């Protein structure tokens, strides 16, 4: 299951989405996430789903590879839907003891489930089509106005990029540790909840040690290459908007207008 986490990975390809400016993809991802919280009906989610499918099609990333990340959040998705299903007041459709399933609960559970799937898929698509270096440059450029109030924009962007890059690395390291412990007859699935929590200690300790070691190696490598953040740094490939980026922004504006009109006003 750990290998199914796609957030933070990069899928190498030559597609329209891959060639877009990283600033466009970052803005598009944030707009897409915000639009999911503006939607009030299934018409809006249909528009968001069509937009997401179009982006996946243009990215040439295999859909199986993208949706593989859903396995890692299956229990979170299930818990979210169950809580909304049973704890939402409204018109009762089915009642058993003190448990009541309402019409509003079913609607809210489905909408929350779709929202979570779209949110994870959209975020994964951005990291799958953007290299860590481009992601750092894009974030730094978008946050540039914050430099006027002395916010360390470059350092923040670098930390966010490294954190995303370390997600698949740490997942792979966790998988290796678990297999090594299972080869030594470790059991992570049987027993009570407390016993299963205790069985994770042999995983967490070496994982933390490995994470600190990797962080120290990265810091030493950056110092050995005379890396210095902040002012005065130049880029080998400066970000320049192209015609395709302007078209992407226009499509994004049209999508947001459709979400507001169809998903919030006309069918609310």
Protein backbone atom coordinates (compact mmCIF):
# COMPACT_ATOMS: atom_id res chain seq x y z
CA UNK A 1 0.00 0.00 0.00
CA UNK A 2 2.88 2.39 0.71
CA UNK A 3 4.04 2.16 -2.88
CA UNK A 4 0.59 3.30 -4.00
CA UNK A 5 1.17 6.83 -2.70
CA UNK A 6 1.70 8.99 -5.80
CA UNK A 7 1.80 12.43 -4.12
CA UNK A 8 5.30 13.87 -4.47
CA UNK A 9 6.36 11.61 -7.35
CA UNK A 10 7.24 12.87 -10.83
CA UNK A 11 6.13 11.03 -13.99
CA UNK A 12 8.45 11.85 -16.88
CA UNK A 13 6.59 12.56 -20.14
CA UNK A 14 6.33 15.14 -22.90
CA UNK A 15 2.77 16.43 -22.71
CA UNK A 16 0.94 19.74 -22.83
CA UNK A 17 0.54 19.74 -19.05
CA UNK A 18 4.22 18.90 -18.48
CA UNK A 19 5.31 21.81 -20.68
CA UNK A 20 3.17 24.38 -18.89
CA UNK A 21 4.82 26.92 -16.63
CA UNK A 22 4.91 25.61 -13.03
CA UNK A 23 3.24 28.81 -11.84
CA UNK A 24 0.23 28.00 -14.04
CA UNK A 25 -0.04 24.49 -12.57
CA UNK A 26 0.28 25.71 -8.98
CA UNK A 27 -2.38 28.38 -9.48
CA UNK A 28 -4.62 25.91 -11.32
CA UNK A 29 -4.32 23.40 -8.49
CA UNK A 30 -5.25 25.97 -5.84
CA UNK A 31 -8.16 27.25 -7.95
CA UNK A 32 -9.36 23.68 -8.49
CA UNK A 33 -9.21 22.93 -4.74
CA UNK A 34 -11.05 26.17 -3.90
CA UNK A 35 -13.69 25.41 -6.54
CA UNK A 36 -14.46 22.09 -4.85
CA UNK A 37 -15.53 24.01 -1.74
CA UNK A 38 -17.66 26.43 -3.78
CA UNK A 39 -19.77 23.65 -5.29
CA UNK A 40 -23.20 23.06 -3.77
CA UNK A 41 -24.63 20.38 -6.08
CA UNK A 42 -23.70 17.41 -8.26
CA UNK A 43 -23.79 19.53 -11.44
CA UNK A 44 -20.78 21.44 -10.12
CA UNK A 45 -18.95 18.21 -9.28
CA UNK A 46 -19.70 16.96 -12.80
CA UNK A 47 -18.05 20.08 -14.25
CA UNK A 48 -15.06 19.62 -11.90
CA UNK A 49 -14.82 15.93 -12.86
CA UNK A 50 -14.84 16.71 -16.58
CA UNK A 51 -12.16 19.37 -16.09
CA UNK A 52 -10.02 16.93 -14.09
CA UNK A 53 -10.45 14.18 -16.71
CA UNK A 54 -9.40 16.63 -19.44
CA UNK A 55 -6.24 17.51 -17.51
CA UNK A 56 -5.42 13.82 -16.95
CA UNK A 57 -5.96 13.11 -20.66
CA UNK A 58 -3.67 15.98 -21.70
CA UNK A 59 -0.98 14.96 -19.18
CA UNK A 60 -0.61 11.48 -20.79
CA UNK A 61 -0.06 10.08 -17.27
CA UNK A 62 -1.77 6.66 -17.04
CA UNK A 63 -5.02 7.01 -15.04
CA UNK A 64 -4.20 3.76 -13.18
CA UNK A 65 -0.99 5.37 -11.92
CA UNK A 66 -2.85 8.48 -10.73
CA UNK A 67 -5.77 6.73 -9.05
CA UNK A 68 -3.43 4.20 -7.44
CA UNK A 69 -2.91 6.82 -4.74
CA UNK A 70 -6.55 6.40 -3.68
CA UNK A 71 -5.68 3.08 -2.00
CA UNK A 72 -3.59 4.92 0.59
CA UNK A 73 -6.51 7.14 1.67
CA UNK A 74 -9.23 4.48 1.44
CA UNK A 75 -9.82 4.32 5.21
CA UNK A 76 -9.81 8.13 5.52
CA UNK A 77 -12.36 8.28 2.70
CA UNK A 78 -14.47 5.56 4.32
CA UNK A 79 -14.44 7.24 7.75
CA UNK A 80 -15.34 10.62 6.24
CA UNK A 81 -18.32 9.17 4.37
CA UNK A 82 -19.55 7.10 7.34
CA UNK A 83 -19.45 10.07 9.73
CA UNK A 84 -21.38 12.26 7.31
CA UNK A 85 -23.82 9.45 6.56
CA UNK A 86 -24.83 8.75 10.17
CA UNK A 87 -24.32 12.11 11.89
CA UNK A 88 -26.10 14.45 9.48
CA UNK A 89 -29.58 15.47 10.68
CA UNK A 90 -32.51 15.62 8.28
CA UNK A 91 -35.26 13.49 6.73
CA UNK A 92 -34.84 9.91 7.97
CA UNK A 93 -34.81 7.18 5.31
CA UNK A 94 -33.66 4.28 7.51
CA UNK A 95 -33.63 4.02 11.30
CA UNK A 96 -32.15 1.29 13.49
CA UNK A 97 -31.94 1.73 17.28
CA UNK A 98 -30.22 5.11 17.70
CA UNK A 99 -28.65 5.03 14.25
CA UNK A 100 -30.42 7.06 11.60
CA UNK A 101 -29.60 7.44 7.92
CA UNK A 102 -31.00 10.62 6.41
CA UNK A 103 -31.49 11.85 2.88
CA UNK A 104 -29.23 14.80 3.60
CA UNK A 105 -26.61 12.46 5.10
CA UNK A 106 -26.43 10.33 1.94
CA UNK A 107 -26.08 13.43 -0.22
CA UNK A 108 -23.40 14.96 2.01
CA UNK A 109 -21.46 11.68 2.29
CA UNK A 110 -21.34 11.28 -1.49
CA UNK A 111 -20.33 14.90 -2.01
CA UNK A 112 -17.58 14.73 0.64
CA UNK A 113 -16.27 11.47 -0.83
CA UNK A 114 -16.12 12.90 -4.35
CA UNK A 115 -14.52 16.09 -3.04
CA UNK A 116 -11.76 14.18 -1.26
CA UNK A 117 -11.04 12.00 -4.32
CA UNK A 118 -10.88 15.05 -6.60
CA UNK A 119 -8.68 16.94 -4.15
CA UNK A 120 -6.09 14.16 -3.87
CA UNK A 121 -6.17 13.43 -7.60
CA UNK A 122 -5.70 17.09 -8.56
CA UNK A 123 -2.82 17.55 -6.13
CA UNK A 124 -1.15 14.35 -7.33
CA UNK A 125 -1.48 15.45 -10.95
CA UNK A 126 0.44 18.66 -10.20
CA UNK A 127 3.38 16.84 -8.59
CA UNK A 128 3.35 14.10 -11.25
CA UNK A 129 3.77 16.68 -14.04
CA UNK A 130 6.15 19.12 -12.29
CA UNK A 131 9.76 18.48 -11.31
CA UNK A 132 10.83 19.47 -7.77
CA UNK A 133 13.11 22.21 -9.16
CA UNK A 134 10.33 23.74 -11.24
CA UNK A 135 7.96 23.47 -8.31
CA UNK A 136 10.42 25.38 -6.13
CA UNK A 137 10.94 28.09 -8.76
CA UNK A 138 7.20 28.45 -9.31
CA UNK A 139 6.39 28.75 -5.61
CA UNK A 140 9.19 31.25 -5.07
CA UNK A 141 7.98 33.43 -7.94
CA UNK A 142 4.35 33.35 -6.80
CA UNK A 143 5.32 34.24 -3.22
CA UNK A 144 7.73 36.97 -4.31
CA UNK A 145 5.46 39.85 -3.08
CA UNK A 146 5.91 38.55 0.49
CA UNK A 147 9.59 39.53 0.34
CA UNK A 148 8.51 43.11 1.02
CA UNK A 149 7.52 42.09 4.55
CA UNK A 150 10.77 40.15 5.03
CA UNK A 151 9.32 36.67 4.53
CA UNK A 152 12.07 34.16 3.50
CA UNK A 153 10.26 33.13 0.32
CA UNK A 154 13.12 31.14 -1.22
CA UNK A 155 13.73 29.11 1.94
CA UNK A 156 10.00 28.37 2.38
CA UNK A 157 9.67 27.25 -1.25
CA UNK A 158 12.74 25.05 -0.93
CA UNK A 159 11.44 23.40 2.25
CA UNK A 160 8.03 22.69 0.68
CA UNK A 161 9.66 21.20 -2.42
CA UNK A 162 12.02 19.01 -0.37
CA UNK A 163 9.11 17.86 1.84
CA UNK A 164 7.12 16.78 -1.23
CA UNK A 165 10.16 15.05 -2.71
CA UNK A 166 10.79 13.16 0.53
CA UNK A 167 7.27 11.66 0.66
CA UNK A 168 7.91 8.81 -1.84
CA UNK A 169 11.45 8.32 -0.48
CA UNK A 170 10.20 7.85 3.10
CA UNK A 171 7.36 5.60 1.92
CA UNK A 172 9.86 3.39 0.11
CA UNK A 173 12.07 3.35 3.20
CA UNK A 174 9.09 2.39 5.39
CA UNK A 175 8.21 -0.44 3.01
CA UNK A 176 11.77 -1.81 3.21
CA UNK A 177 11.78 -1.64 7.02
CA UNK A 178 8.42 -3.39 7.26
CA UNK A 179 9.58 -6.21 4.98
CA UNK A 180 12.78 -6.58 7.02
CA UNK A 181 10.78 -6.77 10.26
CA UNK A 182 8.29 -9.25 8.77
CA UNK A 183 11.22 -11.43 7.70
CA UNK A 184 12.09 -11.52 11.42
CA UNK A 185 8.53 -12.79 12.18
CA UNK A 186 7.14 -9.39 13.14
CA UNK A 187 3.32 -9.24 13.07
CA UNK A 188 1.63 -5.90 12.27
CA UNK A 189 -1.94 -7.06 11.60
CA UNK A 190 -3.07 -9.39 14.39
CA UNK A 191 -3.85 -8.60 18.02
CA UNK A 192 -5.64 -5.69 19.66
CA UNK A 193 -5.35 -2.08 18.56
CA UNK A 194 -2.85 -1.35 21.35
CA UNK A 195 -0.67 -4.32 20.39
CA UNK A 196 -0.69 -3.27 16.74
CA UNK A 197 0.29 0.25 17.76
CA UNK A 198 3.18 -1.12 19.82
CA UNK A 199 4.31 -3.25 16.88
CA UNK A 200 4.90 -0.05 14.89
CA UNK A 201 7.70 1.06 17.24
CA UNK A 202 10.33 -1.13 15.48
CA UNK A 203 9.34 0.69 12.27
CA UNK A 204 9.18 4.27 13.53
CA UNK A 205 12.56 4.28 15.29
CA UNK A 206 14.69 3.25 12.27
CA UNK A 207 12.48 5.41 10.02
CA UNK A 208 13.20 8.53 12.09
CA UNK A 209 16.90 7.69 12.17
CA UNK A 210 16.91 7.23 8.39
CA UNK A 211 15.01 10.50 7.85
CA UNK A 212 17.47 12.48 10.00
CA UNK A 213 20.41 10.82 8.24
CA UNK A 214 19.00 11.71 4.81
CA UNK A 215 18.35 15.29 5.92
CA UNK A 216 21.92 15.60 7.22
CA UNK A 217 23.34 14.15 3.97
CA UNK A 218 21.26 16.59 1.94
CA UNK A 219 22.44 19.55 4.04
CA UNK A 220 26.08 18.49 3.69
CA UNK A 221 25.69 18.04 -0.08
CA UNK A 222 24.18 21.52 -0.41
CA UNK A 223 26.99 23.06 1.66
CA UNK A 224 29.64 21.19 -0.36
CA UNK A 225 28.20 22.79 -3.49
CA UNK A 226 28.35 26.25 -1.85
CA UNK A 227 24.58 26.59 -1.84
CA UNK A 228 23.34 29.87 -0.44
CA UNK A 229 19.69 30.85 -0.49
CA UNK A 230 18.15 34.28 -0.60
CA UNK A 231 19.06 37.33 -2.66
CA UNK A 232 21.55 37.27 -5.51
CA UNK A 233 20.79 33.75 -6.76
CA UNK A 234 20.28 33.29 -10.48
CA UNK A 235 18.44 30.51 -12.30
CA UNK A 236 19.78 28.42 -15.15
CA UNK A 237 16.26 28.24 -16.63
CA UNK A 238 14.29 31.38 -15.72
CA UNK A 239 10.51 31.08 -15.84
CA UNK A 240 8.95 32.77 -18.87
CA UNK A 241 5.26 32.70 -19.72
CA UNK A 242 4.40 31.37 -23.20
CA UNK A 243 1.31 31.35 -25.39
CA UNK A 244 0.22 27.97 -23.99
CA UNK A 245 0.30 29.40 -20.46
CA UNK A 246 -2.01 32.27 -21.44
CA UNK A 247 -4.44 29.78 -22.98
CA UNK A 248 -4.29 27.67 -19.80
CA UNK A 249 -5.15 30.72 -17.66
CA UNK A 250 -8.09 31.48 -19.97
CA UNK A 251 -9.38 27.91 -19.66
CA UNK A 252 -9.00 28.16 -15.88
CA UNK A 253 -11.09 31.37 -15.79
CA UNK A 254 -13.81 29.73 -17.93
CA UNK A 255 -13.82 26.68 -15.63
CA UNK A 256 -14.16 28.83 -12.50
CA UNK A 257 -17.00 30.81 -14.10
CA UNK A 258 -18.83 27.56 -14.95
CA UNK A 259 -18.37 26.29 -11.40
CA UNK A 260 -19.79 29.50 -9.92
CA UNK A 261 -22.72 29.70 -12.35
CA UNK A 262 -23.69 26.02 -12.68
CA UNK A 263 -22.45 24.63 -9.39
CA UNK A 264 -23.52 27.41 -7.07
CA UNK A 265 -26.15 29.71 -8.59
CA UNK A 266 -28.42 28.05 -11.18
CA UNK A 267 -28.91 24.66 -9.50
CA UNK A 268 -28.51 25.64 -5.84
